[in-house]
PDB file of N, CA and C in Angstrom:
ATOM      1  N   MET A   1       0.792  -1.092  -0.026  1.00  0.00           N
ATOM      2  CA  MET A   1       0.084   0.091   0.031  1.00  0.00           C
ATOM      3  C   MET A   1       0.857   1.160   0.009  1.00  0.00           C
ATOM      4  N   SER A   2       0.613   2.181  -0.791  1.00  0.00           N
ATOM      5  CA  SER A   2       1.364   3.419  -0.878  1.00  0.00           C
ATOM      6  C   SER A   2       1.120   4.408   0.311  1.00  0.00           C
ATOM      7  N   ARG A   3       2.073   5.326   0.353  1.00  0.00           N
ATOM      8  CA  ARG A   3       1.947   6.304   1.408  1.00  0.00           C
ATOM      9  C   ARG A   3       1.302   7.584   1.017  1.00  0.00           C
ATOM     10  N   VAL A   4       0.413   8.076   1.772  1.00  0.00           N
ATOM     11  CA  VAL A   4      -0.328   9.298   1.576  1.00  0.00           C
ATOM     12  C   VAL A   4       0.397  10.505   1.976  1.00  0.00           C
ATOM     13  N   ARG A   5       0.593  11.420   0.976  1.00  0.00           N
ATOM     14  CA  ARG A   5       1.394  12.568   1.277  1.00  0.00           C
ATOM     15  C   ARG A   5       0.509  13.798   1.150  1.00  0.00           C
ATOM     16  N   GLN A   6       0.975  14.846   1.894  1.00  0.00           N
ATOM     17  CA  GLN A   6       0.162  16.086   1.847  1.00  0.00           C
ATOM     18  C   GLN A   6       0.202  16.735   0.543  1.00  0.00           C
ATOM     19  N   LYS A   7      -0.971  17.400   0.169  1.00  0.00           N
ATOM     20  CA  LYS A   7      -1.126  18.078  -0.965  1.00  0.00           C
ATOM     21  C   LYS A   7       0.124  19.088  -1.193  1.00  0.00           C
ATOM     22  N   THR A   8       0.511  19.784  -0.280  1.00  0.00           N
ATOM     23  CA  THR A   8       1.517  20.809  -0.505  1.00  0.00           C
ATOM     24  C   THR A   8       2.799  20.137  -0.775  1.00  0.00           C
ATOM     25  N   ILE A   9       3.114  19.008  -0.168  1.00  0.00           N
ATOM     26  CA  ILE A   9       4.378  18.416  -0.616  1.00  0.00           C
ATOM     27  C   ILE A   9       4.333  17.916  -2.024  1.00  0.00           C
ATOM     28  N   LYS A  10       3.290  17.447  -2.559  1.00  0.00           N
ATOM     29  CA  LYS A  10       3.243  16.950  -4.055  1.00  0.00           C
ATOM     30  C   LYS A  10       3.265  18.162  -4.903  1.00  0.00           C
ATOM     31  N   THR A  11       2.565  19.247  -4.512  1.00  0.00           N
ATOM     32  CA  THR A  11       2.479  20.561  -5.332  1.00  0.00           C
ATOM     33  C   THR A  11       3.951  21.087  -5.503  1.00  0.00           C
ATOM     34  N   ILE A  12       4.582  21.302  -4.300  1.00  0.00           N
ATOM     35  CA  ILE A  12       5.826  21.875  -4.339  1.00  0.00           C
ATOM     36  C   ILE A  12       6.792  21.011  -5.082  1.00  0.00           C
ATOM     37  N   ALA A  13       6.850  19.657  -4.930  1.00  0.00           N
ATOM     38  CA  ALA A  13       7.746  18.791  -5.652  1.00  0.00           C
ATOM     39  C   ALA A  13       7.496  18.764  -7.170  1.00  0.00           C
ATOM     40  N   LYS A  14       6.179  18.856  -7.545  1.00  0.00           N
ATOM     41  CA  LYS A  14       5.951  18.901  -8.985  1.00  0.00           C
ATOM     42  C   LYS A  14       6.470  20.220  -9.685  1.00  0.00           C
ATOM     43  N   LYS A  15       6.232  21.284  -8.960  1.00  0.00           N
ATOM     44  CA  LYS A  15       6.703  22.609  -9.442  1.00  0.00           C
ATOM     45  C   LYS A  15       8.207  22.584  -9.515  1.00  0.00           C
ATOM     46  N   ILE A  16       8.878  22.028  -8.613  1.00  0.00           N
ATOM     47  CA  ILE A  16      10.435  21.802  -8.760  1.00  0.00           C
ATOM     48  C   ILE A  16      10.707  21.020  -9.964  1.00  0.00           C
ATOM     49  N   VAL A  17      10.120  19.910 -10.060  1.00  0.00           N
ATOM     50  CA  VAL A  17      10.592  19.091 -11.053  1.00  0.00           C
ATOM     51  C   VAL A  17      10.385  19.703 -12.500  1.00  0.00           C
ATOM     52  N   VAL A  18       9.187  20.407 -12.616  1.00  0.00           N
ATOM     53  CA  VAL A  18       8.931  21.144 -13.836  1.00  0.00           C
ATOM     54  C   VAL A  18       9.816  22.299 -14.152  1.00  0.00           C
ATOM     55  N   ASN A  19       9.953  23.061 -13.311  1.00  0.00           N
ATOM     56  CA  ASN A  19      10.809  24.346 -13.447  1.00  0.00           C
ATOM     57  C   ASN A  19      12.253  24.155 -13.367  1.00  0.00           C
ATOM     58  N   TYR A  20      12.778  23.038 -12.770  1.00  0.00           N
ATOM     59  CA  TYR A  20      14.311  22.834 -12.667  1.00  0.00           C
ATOM     60  C   TYR A  20      14.563  21.567 -13.294  1.00  0.00           C
ATOM     61  N   TRP A  21      13.899  21.162 -14.276  1.00  0.00           N
ATOM     62  CA  TRP A  21      13.993  19.751 -15.061  1.00  0.00           C
ATOM     63  C   TRP A  21      15.496  19.449 -15.456  1.00  0.00           C
ATOM     64  N   ASP A  22      16.092  20.493 -16.011  1.00  0.00           N
ATOM     65  CA  ASP A  22      17.508  20.282 -16.486  1.00  0.00           C
ATOM     66  C   ASP A  22      18.448  19.931 -15.419  1.00  0.00           C
ATOM     67  N   ILE A  23      18.386  20.607 -14.146  1.00  0.00           N
ATOM     68  CA  ILE A  23      19.229  20.335 -13.046  1.00  0.00           C
ATOM     69  C   ILE A  23      18.748  18.987 -12.322  1.00  0.00           C
ATOM     70  N   ILE A  24      17.579  18.752 -12.311  1.00  0.00           N
ATOM     71  CA  ILE A  24      17.114  17.365 -11.695  1.00  0.00           C
ATOM     72  C   ILE A  24      17.558  16.126 -12.501  1.00  0.00           C
ATOM     73  N   ARG A  25      17.482  16.427 -13.979  1.00  0.00           N
ATOM     74  CA  ARG A  25      17.799  15.292 -14.804  1.00  0.00           C
ATOM     75  C   ARG A  25      19.368  15.173 -14.836  1.00  0.00           C
ATOM     76  N   GLU A  26      20.046  16.174 -14.583  1.00  0.00           N
ATOM     77  CA  GLU A  26      21.583  16.042 -14.512  1.00  0.00           C
ATOM     78  C   GLU A  26      21.889  15.320 -13.256  1.00  0.00           C
ATOM     79  N   ILE A  27      21.385  15.481 -12.138  1.00  0.00           N
ATOM     80  CA  ILE A  27      21.424  14.744 -10.863  1.00  0.00           C
ATOM     81  C   ILE A  27      21.160  13.386 -11.096  1.00  0.00           C
ATOM     82  N   TRP A  28      20.077  13.253 -11.677  1.00  0.00           N
ATOM     83  CA  TRP A  28      19.584  11.773 -11.908  1.00  0.00           C
ATOM     84  C   TRP A  28      20.545  10.953 -12.708  1.00  0.00           C
ATOM     85  N   ASP A  29      20.996  11.643 -13.943  1.00  0.00           N
ATOM     86  CA  ASP A  29      21.899  10.852 -14.793  1.00  0.00           C
ATOM     87  C   ASP A  29      23.349  10.621 -14.083  1.00  0.00           C
ATOM     88  N   ARG A  30      23.734  11.589 -13.247  1.00  0.00           N
ATOM     89  CA  ARG A  30      25.025  11.413 -12.667  1.00  0.00           C
ATOM     90  C   ARG A  30      24.850  10.250 -11.647  1.00  0.00           C
ATOM     91  N   SER A  31      23.775  10.288 -10.906  1.00  0.00           N
ATOM     92  CA  SER A  31      23.589   9.193  -9.946  1.00  0.00           C
ATOM     93  C   SER A  31      23.417   7.690 -10.611  1.00  0.00           C
ATOM     94  N   GLU A  32      22.871   7.718 -11.726  1.00  0.00           N
ATOM     95  CA  GLU A  32      22.818   6.440 -12.480  1.00  0.00           C
ATOM     96  C   GLU A  32      24.177   5.964 -12.836  1.00  0.00           C
ATOM     97  N   GLU A  33      25.102   6.765 -13.204  1.00  0.00           N
ATOM     98  CA  GLU A  33      26.452   6.387 -13.383  1.00  0.00           C
ATOM     99  C   GLU A  33      27.068   5.934 -12.273  1.00  0.00           C
ATOM    100  N   MET A  34      26.733   6.594 -11.151  1.00  0.00           N
ATOM    101  CA  MET A  34      27.331   6.058  -9.858  1.00  0.00           C
ATOM    102  C   MET A  34      26.843   4.682  -9.346  1.00  0.00           C
ATOM    103  N   ALA A  35      25.485   4.365  -9.726  1.00  0.00           N
ATOM    104  CA  ALA A  35      24.922   3.209  -9.351  1.00  0.00           C
ATOM    105  C   ALA A  35      25.551   2.044  -9.876  1.00  0.00           C
ATOM    106  N   LEU A  36      26.266   2.126 -10.988  1.00  0.00           N
ATOM    107  CA  LEU A  36      27.047   0.925 -11.457  1.00  0.00           C
ATOM    108  C   LEU A  36      28.106   0.437 -10.656  1.00  0.00           C
ATOM    109  N   ALA A  37      28.753   1.291  -9.866  1.00  0.00           N
ATOM    110  CA  ALA A  37      29.733   1.024  -8.848  1.00  0.00           C
ATOM    111  C   ALA A  37      29.224   0.831  -7.491  1.00  0.00           C
ATOM    112  N   ASP A  38      28.327   1.657  -6.967  1.00  0.00           N
ATOM    113  CA  ASP A  38      27.788   1.564  -5.734  1.00  0.00           C
ATOM    114  C   ASP A  38      26.246   2.088  -5.590  1.00  0.00           C
ATOM    115  N   PRO A  39      25.336   1.232  -5.594  1.00  0.00           N
ATOM    116  CA  PRO A  39      23.916   1.646  -5.717  1.00  0.00           C
ATOM    117  C   PRO A  39      23.523   2.420  -4.431  1.00  0.00           C
ATOM    118  N   LYS A  40      23.986   2.050  -3.287  1.00  0.00           N
ATOM    119  CA  LYS A  40      23.688   2.809  -2.192  1.00  0.00           C
ATOM    120  C   LYS A  40      24.085   4.170  -2.023  1.00  0.00           C
ATOM    121  N   LEU A  41      25.326   4.238  -2.469  1.00  0.00           N
ATOM    122  CA  LEU A  41      25.940   5.756  -2.604  1.00  0.00           C
ATOM    123  C   LEU A  41      25.244   6.487  -3.635  1.00  0.00           C
ATOM    124  N   ALA A  42      24.864   5.976  -4.740  1.00  0.00           N
ATOM    125  CA  ALA A  42      24.116   6.830  -5.722  1.00  0.00           C
ATOM    126  C   ALA A  42      22.776   7.232  -5.241  1.00  0.00           C
ATOM    127  N   SER A  43      22.102   6.419  -4.476  1.00  0.00           N
ATOM    128  CA  SER A  43      20.825   6.864  -3.953  1.00  0.00           C
ATOM    129  C   SER A  43      21.051   7.844  -2.840  1.00  0.00           C
ATOM    130  N   GLN A  44      22.050   7.746  -2.065  1.00  0.00           N
ATOM    131  CA  GLN A  44      22.357   8.691  -1.058  1.00  0.00           C
ATOM    132  C   GLN A  44      22.780  10.109  -1.709  1.00  0.00           C
ATOM    133  N   PHE A  45      23.493   9.937  -2.800  1.00  0.00           N
ATOM    134  CA  PHE A  45      23.910  11.242  -3.569  1.00  0.00           C
ATOM    135  C   PHE A  45      22.620  11.949  -4.126  1.00  0.00           C
ATOM    136  N   ARG A  46      21.744  11.183  -4.727  1.00  0.00           N
ATOM    137  CA  ARG A  46      20.574  11.713  -5.409  1.00  0.00           C
ATOM    138  C   ARG A  46      19.782  12.322  -4.237  1.00  0.00           C
ATOM    139  N   PHE A  47      19.512  11.786  -3.121  1.00  0.00           N
ATOM    140  CA  PHE A  47      18.662  12.398  -2.056  1.00  0.00           C
ATOM    141  C   PHE A  47      19.414  13.618  -1.556  1.00  0.00           C
ATOM    142  N   GLU A  48      20.638  13.641  -1.281  1.00  0.00           N
ATOM    143  CA  GLU A  48      21.292  14.859  -0.830  1.00  0.00           C
ATOM    144  C   GLU A  48      21.190  16.025  -1.742  1.00  0.00           C
ATOM    145  N   MET A  49      21.394  15.690  -2.997  1.00  0.00           N
ATOM    146  CA  MET A  49      21.447  16.743  -3.961  1.00  0.00           C
ATOM    147  C   MET A  49      19.902  17.347  -4.031  1.00  0.00           C
ATOM    148  N   TYR A  50      18.942  16.477  -4.095  1.00  0.00           N
ATOM    149  CA  TYR A  50      17.573  16.918  -4.088  1.00  0.00           C
ATOM    150  C   TYR A  50      17.209  17.777  -2.874  1.00  0.00           C
ATOM    151  N   LYS A  51      17.622  17.482  -1.777  1.00  0.00           N
ATOM    152  CA  LYS A  51      17.535  18.203  -0.498  1.00  0.00           C
ATOM    153  C   LYS A  51      18.129  19.539  -0.661  1.00  0.00           C
ATOM    154  N   ARG A  52      19.280  19.647  -1.198  1.00  0.00           N
ATOM    155  CA  ARG A  52      19.941  20.837  -1.451  1.00  0.00           C
ATOM    156  C   ARG A  52      19.136  21.829  -2.353  1.00  0.00           C
ATOM    157  N   LEU A  53      18.692  21.121  -3.507  1.00  0.00           N
ATOM    158  CA  LEU A  53      17.986  21.864  -4.436  1.00  0.00           C
ATOM    159  C   LEU A  53      16.623  22.456  -3.850  1.00  0.00           C
ATOM    160  N   VAL A  54      15.858  21.622  -3.016  1.00  0.00           N
ATOM    161  CA  VAL A  54      14.730  22.082  -2.423  1.00  0.00           C
ATOM    162  C   VAL A  54      14.973  23.297  -1.370  1.00  0.00           C
ATOM    163  N   GLU A  55      16.196  23.164  -0.584  1.00  0.00           N
ATOM    164  CA  GLU A  55      16.523  24.282   0.206  1.00  0.00           C
ATOM    165  C   GLU A  55      16.720  25.499  -0.531  1.00  0.00           C
ATOM    166  N   LEU A  56      17.332  25.487  -1.728  1.00  0.00           N
ATOM    167  CA  LEU A  56      17.863  26.786  -2.406  1.00  0.00           C
ATOM    168  C   LEU A  56      16.642  27.311  -3.150  1.00  0.00           C
ATOM    169  N   THR A  57      15.505  26.434  -3.595  1.00  0.00           N
ATOM    170  CA  THR A  57      14.564  26.857  -4.349  1.00  0.00           C
ATOM    171  C   THR A  57      13.337  27.327  -3.666  1.00  0.00           C
ATOM    172  N   THR A  58      13.121  26.820  -2.469  1.00  0.00           N
ATOM    173  CA  THR A  58      11.866  27.040  -1.766  1.00  0.00           C
ATOM    174  C   THR A  58      12.163  27.618  -0.345  1.00  0.00           C
ATOM    175  N   ASP A  59      11.113  27.946   0.306  1.00  0.00           N
ATOM    176  CA  ASP A  59      11.297  28.344   1.646  1.00  0.00           C
ATOM    177  C   ASP A  59      10.473  27.574   2.703  1.00  0.00           C
ATOM    178  N   VAL A  60      10.841  26.263   2.596  1.00  0.00           N
ATOM    179  CA  VAL A  60       9.995  25.350   3.413  1.00  0.00           C
ATOM    180  C   VAL A  60      10.393  25.584   4.883  1.00  0.00           C
ATOM    181  N   PRO A  61       9.483  25.595   5.759  1.00  0.00           N
ATOM    182  CA  PRO A  61       9.727  25.865   7.246  1.00  0.00           C
ATOM    183  C   PRO A  61      10.476  24.831   8.042  1.00  0.00           C
ATOM    184  N   THR A  62      10.442  23.649   7.675  1.00  0.00           N
ATOM    185  CA  THR A  62      11.071  22.521   8.509  1.00  0.00           C
ATOM    186  C   THR A  62      11.943  21.585   7.752  1.00  0.00           C
ATOM    187  N   LYS A  63      12.883  21.012   8.383  1.00  0.00           N
ATOM    188  CA  LYS A  63      13.674  20.092   7.828  1.00  0.00           C
ATOM    189  C   LYS A  63      12.933  18.799   7.457  1.00  0.00           C
ATOM    190  N   LYS A  64      11.968  18.414   8.199  1.00  0.00           N
ATOM    191  CA  LYS A  64      11.200  17.239   7.849  1.00  0.00           C
ATOM    192  C   LYS A  64      10.502  17.462   6.569  1.00  0.00           C
ATOM    193  N   MET A  65       9.859  18.553   6.404  1.00  0.00           N
ATOM    194  CA  MET A  65       9.039  18.877   5.090  1.00  0.00           C
ATOM    195  C   MET A  65      10.113  18.903   3.818  1.00  0.00           C
ATOM    196  N   ARG A  66      11.262  19.501   4.099  1.00  0.00           N
ATOM    197  CA  ARG A  66      12.268  19.510   3.069  1.00  0.00           C
ATOM    198  C   ARG A  66      12.545  18.096   2.602  1.00  0.00           C
ATOM    199  N   ASN A  67      12.882  17.206   3.563  1.00  0.00           N
ATOM    200  CA  ASN A  67      13.248  15.877   3.282  1.00  0.00           C
ATOM    201  C   ASN A  67      12.102  15.021   2.619  1.00  0.00           C
ATOM    202  N   ARG A  68      10.888  15.311   3.093  1.00  0.00           N
ATOM    203  CA  ARG A  68       9.784  14.624   2.313  1.00  0.00           C
ATOM    204  C   ARG A  68       9.568  15.182   0.820  1.00  0.00           C
ATOM    205  N   ILE A  69       9.866  16.455   0.660  1.00  0.00           N
ATOM    206  CA  ILE A  69       9.718  16.952  -0.640  1.00  0.00           C
ATOM    207  C   ILE A  69      10.713  16.251  -1.572  1.00  0.00           C
ATOM    208  N   ALA A  70      12.057  16.170  -1.095  1.00  0.00           N
ATOM    209  CA  ALA A  70      13.146  15.589  -1.751  1.00  0.00           C
ATOM    210  C   ALA A  70      12.881  14.136  -2.084  1.00  0.00           C
ATOM    211  N   GLY A  71      12.290  13.404  -1.145  1.00  0.00           N
ATOM    212  CA  GLY A  71      11.900  12.061  -1.299  1.00  0.00           C
ATOM    213  C   GLY A  71      10.859  11.926  -2.330  1.00  0.00           C
ATOM    214  N   TYR A  72       9.908  12.763  -2.322  1.00  0.00           N
ATOM    215  CA  TYR A  72       8.827  12.769  -3.443  1.00  0.00           C
ATOM    216  C   TYR A  72       9.369  13.021  -4.823  1.00  0.00           C
ATOM    217  N   ILE A  73      10.284  13.892  -4.953  1.00  0.00           N
ATOM    218  CA  ILE A  73      10.897  14.190  -6.239  1.00  0.00           C
ATOM    219  C   ILE A  73      11.523  12.890  -6.771  1.00  0.00           C
ATOM    220  N   ILE A  74      12.143  12.136  -5.952  1.00  0.00           N
ATOM    221  CA  ILE A  74      12.677  10.811  -6.457  1.00  0.00           C
ATOM    222  C   ILE A  74      11.603   9.944  -6.988  1.00  0.00           C
ATOM    223  N   THR A  75      10.457   9.961  -6.175  1.00  0.00           N
ATOM    224  CA  THR A  75       9.321   9.097  -6.593  1.00  0.00           C
ATOM    225  C   THR A  75       8.782   9.682  -7.832  1.00  0.00           C
ATOM    226  N   LEU A  76       8.625  10.929  -8.149  1.00  0.00           N
ATOM    227  CA  LEU A  76       8.132  11.407  -9.263  1.00  0.00           C
ATOM    228  C   LEU A  76       9.079  11.013 -10.570  1.00  0.00           C
ATOM    229  N   MET A  77      10.439  11.099 -10.288  1.00  0.00           N
ATOM    230  CA  MET A  77      11.324  10.830 -11.370  1.00  0.00           C
ATOM    231  C   MET A  77      11.302   9.369 -11.739  1.00  0.00           C
ATOM    232  N   LYS A  78      10.924   8.589 -10.772  1.00  0.00           N
ATOM    233  CA  LYS A  78      10.896   7.135 -11.082  1.00  0.00           C
ATOM    234  C   LYS A  78       9.522   6.861 -11.933  1.00  0.00           C
ATOM    235  N   GLN A  79       8.495   7.681 -11.677  1.00  0.00           N
ATOM    236  CA  GLN A  79       7.296   7.509 -12.247  1.00  0.00           C
ATOM    237  C   GLN A  79       7.502   7.992 -13.718  1.00  0.00           C
ATOM    238  N   ILE A  80       8.054   9.186 -13.898  1.00  0.00           N
ATOM    239  CA  ILE A  80       8.346   9.806 -15.093  1.00  0.00           C
ATOM    240  C   ILE A  80       9.309   8.849 -16.140  1.00  0.00           C
ATOM    241  N   LEU A  81      10.385   8.552 -15.573  1.00  0.00           N
ATOM    242  CA  LEU A  81      11.407   7.826 -16.432  1.00  0.00           C
ATOM    243  C   LEU A  81      11.160   6.370 -16.552  1.00  0.00           C
ATOM    244  N   TYR A  82      10.815   5.679 -15.473  1.00  0.00           N
ATOM    245  CA  TYR A  82      10.721   4.219 -15.489  1.00  0.00           C
ATOM    246  C   TYR A  82       9.278   3.549 -15.846  1.00  0.00           C
ATOM    247  N   LEU A  83       8.285   4.201 -15.151  1.00  0.00           N
ATOM    248  CA  LEU A  83       7.031   3.753 -15.133  1.00  0.00           C
ATOM    249  C   LEU A  83       6.194   4.298 -16.320  1.00  0.00           C
ATOM    250  N   GLY A  84       6.515   5.432 -16.729  1.00  0.00           N
ATOM    251  CA  GLY A  84       5.688   6.169 -17.740  1.00  0.00           C
ATOM    252  C   GLY A  84       4.341   6.543 -17.331  1.00  0.00           C
ATOM    253  N   LYS A  85       4.049   6.818 -16.123  1.00  0.00           N
ATOM    254  CA  LYS A  85       2.684   7.197 -15.711  1.00  0.00           C
ATOM    255  C   LYS A  85       2.314   8.484 -16.284  1.00  0.00           C
ATOM    256  N   PHE A  86       3.321   9.384 -16.404  1.00  0.00           N
ATOM    257  CA  PHE A  86       2.931  10.684 -17.121  1.00  0.00           C
ATOM    258  C   PHE A  86       4.243  11.285 -17.550  1.00  0.00           C
ATOM    259  N   THR A  87       4.114  12.328 -18.366  1.00  0.00           N
ATOM    260  CA  THR A  87       5.301  12.894 -19.048  1.00  0.00           C
ATOM    261  C   THR A  87       5.508  14.197 -18.381  1.00  0.00           C
ATOM    262  N   ILE A  88       6.712  14.814 -18.585  1.00  0.00           N
ATOM    263  CA  ILE A  88       7.019  16.229 -18.110  1.00  0.00           C
ATOM    264  C   ILE A  88       6.105  17.244 -18.808  1.00  0.00           C
ATOM    265  N   GLU A  89       5.739  17.019 -20.012  1.00  0.00           N
ATOM    266  CA  GLU A  89       4.879  17.872 -20.805  1.00  0.00           C
ATOM    267  C   GLU A  89       3.651  18.049 -20.073  1.00  0.00           C
ATOM    268  N   GLU A  90       2.984  16.927 -19.579  1.00  0.00           N
ATOM    269  CA  GLU A  90       1.784  17.001 -18.932  1.00  0.00           C
ATOM    270  C   GLU A  90       1.788  17.727 -17.612  1.00  0.00           C
ATOM    271  N   LEU A  91       2.910  17.564 -16.940  1.00  0.00           N
ATOM    272  CA  LEU A  91       3.173  18.205 -15.600  1.00  0.00           C
ATOM    273  C   LEU A  91       3.337  19.787 -15.878  1.00  0.00           C
ATOM    274  N   SER A  92       3.955  20.116 -17.012  1.00  0.00           N
ATOM    275  CA  SER A  92       4.515  21.440 -17.137  1.00  0.00           C
ATOM    276  C   SER A  92       3.212  22.362 -17.556  1.00  0.00           C
ATOM    277  N   THR A  93       2.065  21.734 -17.992  1.00  0.00           N
ATOM    278  CA  THR A  93       0.886  22.516 -18.362  1.00  0.00           C
ATOM    279  C   THR A  93       0.195  23.074 -17.149  1.00  0.00           C
ATOM    280  N   LYS A  94       0.466  22.380 -16.080  1.00  0.00           N
ATOM    281  CA  LYS A  94      -0.246  22.789 -14.835  1.00  0.00           C
ATOM    282  C   LYS A  94       0.676  23.431 -13.840  1.00  0.00           C
ATOM    283  N   TYR A  95       1.933  23.124 -13.831  1.00  0.00           N
ATOM    284  CA  TYR A  95       2.890  23.615 -12.754  1.00  0.00           C
ATOM    285  C   TYR A  95       3.979  24.556 -13.218  1.00  0.00           C
ATOM    286  N   LYS A  96       3.976  25.061 -14.392  1.00  0.00           N
ATOM    287  CA  LYS A  96       4.879  25.826 -14.821  1.00  0.00           C
ATOM    288  C   LYS A  96       4.781  27.205 -14.196  1.00  0.00           C
ATOM    289  N   LEU A  97       5.909  27.779 -13.621  1.00  0.00           N
ATOM    290  CA  LEU A  97       5.833  29.126 -13.007  1.00  0.00           C
ATOM    291  C   LEU A  97       5.622  30.207 -14.018  1.00  0.00           C
ATOM    292  N   ARG A  98       4.925  31.198 -13.704  1.00  0.00           N
ATOM    293  CA  ARG A  98       4.632  32.287 -14.599  1.00  0.00           C
ATOM    294  C   ARG A  98       5.827  33.277 -14.255  1.00  0.00           C
ATOM    295  N   GLY A  99       6.332  33.920 -15.426  1.00  0.00           N
ATOM    296  CA  GLY A  99       7.345  34.861 -15.329  1.00  0.00           C
ATOM    297  C   GLY A  99       8.744  34.252 -15.153  1.00  0.00           C
ATOM    298  N   GLU A 100       9.563  35.170 -14.666  1.00  0.00           N
ATOM    299  CA  GLU A 100      11.067  34.763 -14.632  1.00  0.00           C
ATOM    300  C   GLU A 100      11.318  34.068 -13.173  1.00  0.00           C
ATOM    301  N   PHE A 101      12.234  33.124 -13.233  1.00  0.00           N
ATOM    302  CA  PHE A 101      12.578  32.583 -11.934  1.00  0.00           C
ATOM    303  C   PHE A 101      14.112  32.300 -11.990  1.00  0.00           C
ATOM    304  N   LYS A 102      14.633  32.370 -10.879  1.00  0.00           N
ATOM    305  CA  LYS A 102      16.124  32.297 -10.688  1.00  0.00           C
ATOM    306  C   LYS A 102      16.610  30.899 -10.576  1.00  0.00           C
ATOM    307  N   THR A 103      17.709  30.512 -11.379  1.00  0.00           N
ATOM    308  CA  THR A 103      18.205  29.304 -11.302  1.00  0.00           C
ATOM    309  C   THR A 103      19.170  29.185 -10.195  1.00  0.00           C
ATOM    310  N   PRO A 104      19.092  28.283  -9.229  1.00  0.00           N
ATOM    311  CA  PRO A 104      19.968  28.198  -8.043  1.00  0.00           C
ATOM    312  C   PRO A 104      21.402  27.774  -8.568  1.00  0.00           C
ATOM    313  N   GLU A 105      22.443  28.202  -7.826  1.00  0.00           N
ATOM    314  CA  GLU A 105      23.731  27.817  -8.100  1.00  0.00           C
ATOM    315  C   GLU A 105      23.921  26.528  -7.193  1.00  0.00           C
ATOM    316  N   LEU A 106      23.824  25.330  -7.906  1.00  0.00           N
ATOM    317  CA  LEU A 106      23.987  24.191  -7.308  1.00  0.00           C
ATOM    318  C   LEU A 106      25.213  23.449  -7.734  1.00  0.00           C
ATOM    319  N   THR A 107      26.257  23.272  -6.923  1.00  0.00           N
ATOM    320  CA  THR A 107      27.373  22.681  -7.357  1.00  0.00           C
ATOM    321  C   THR A 107      27.465  21.273  -6.811  1.00  0.00           C
ATOM    322  N   MET A 108      27.744  20.276  -7.819  1.00  0.00           N
ATOM    323  CA  MET A 108      27.817  18.812  -7.517  1.00  0.00           C
ATOM    324  C   MET A 108      29.240  18.516  -7.311  1.00  0.00           C
ATOM    325  N   PRO A 109      29.484  17.547  -6.299  1.00  0.00           N
ATOM    326  CA  PRO A 109      30.909  17.172  -5.985  1.00  0.00           C
ATOM    327  C   PRO A 109      31.229  16.311  -7.151  1.00  0.00           C
ATOM    328  N   GLU A 110      32.673  16.371  -7.350  1.00  0.00           N
ATOM    329  CA  GLU A 110      33.251  15.655  -8.365  1.00  0.00           C
ATOM    330  C   GLU A 110      33.348  14.260  -7.972  1.00  0.00           C
ATOM    331  N   THR A 111      33.083  13.294  -8.869  1.00  0.00           N
ATOM    332  CA  THR A 111      33.255  11.890  -8.543  1.00  0.00           C
ATOM    333  C   THR A 111      34.384  11.289  -9.332  1.00  0.00           C
ATOM    334  N   GLN A 112      35.156  10.400  -8.689  1.00  0.00           N
ATOM    335  CA  GLN A 112      36.228   9.854  -9.418  1.00  0.00           C
ATOM    336  C   GLN A 112      35.798   8.638 -10.065  1.00  0.00           C
ATOM    337  N   THR A 113      36.226   8.364 -11.245  1.00  0.00           N
ATOM    338  CA  THR A 113      35.907   7.137 -12.021  1.00  0.00           C
ATOM    339  C   THR A 113      37.042   6.084 -11.663  1.00  0.00           C
ATOM    340  N   GLN A 114      36.756   4.943 -11.987  1.00  0.00           N
ATOM    341  CA  GLN A 114      37.767   3.974 -11.698  1.00  0.00           C
ATOM    342  C   GLN A 114      39.135   4.073 -12.472  1.00  0.00           C
ATOM    343  N   SER A 115      39.045   4.707 -13.642  1.00  0.00           N
ATOM    344  CA  SER A 115      40.340   4.967 -14.395  1.00  0.00           C
ATOM    345  C   SER A 115      41.037   6.056 -13.810  1.00  0.00           C
ATOM    346  N   GLU A 116      40.436   7.009 -13.162  1.00  0.00           N
ATOM    347  CA  GLU A 116      41.188   8.190 -12.490  1.00  0.00           C
ATOM    348  C   GLU A 116      41.962   7.739 -11.168  1.00  0.00           C
ATOM    349  N   SER A 117      41.247   6.811 -10.428  1.00  0.00           N
ATOM    350  CA  SER A 117      41.744   6.441  -9.173  1.00  0.00           C
ATOM    351  C   SER A 117      42.951   5.508  -9.257  1.00  0.00           C
ATOM    352  N   GLN A 118      43.228   4.895 -10.418  1.00  0.00           N
ATOM    353  CA  GLN A 118      44.320   3.888 -10.657  1.00  0.00           C
ATOM    354  C   GLN A 118      45.454   4.597 -11.195  1.00  0.00           C
TER     355      GLN A 118
END
């Protein structure tokens, strides 16, 4: 049975996915590369980067809510990329921000590949 989430968490997560799709997709792709070597490290990296993105783009009042939004972003990405429940175009019709919005300065830590470490 699935977990019930607050409407605000779902709405904020969907707005972030739509409006910062390039950043979220880059994080997802980088974590997929890391998953080949260490899946646990890749999922931890993905969650930490999404937490930082939520922190930079929203003004959520509590740490618990920030973590729940970051977790729901991961769930949305799985639904979009793997399950095909809906597309980013369907989400963008409802959740696209009006006007200009600031792109956050999100720096990703450099990862060593196996060829660099030898």
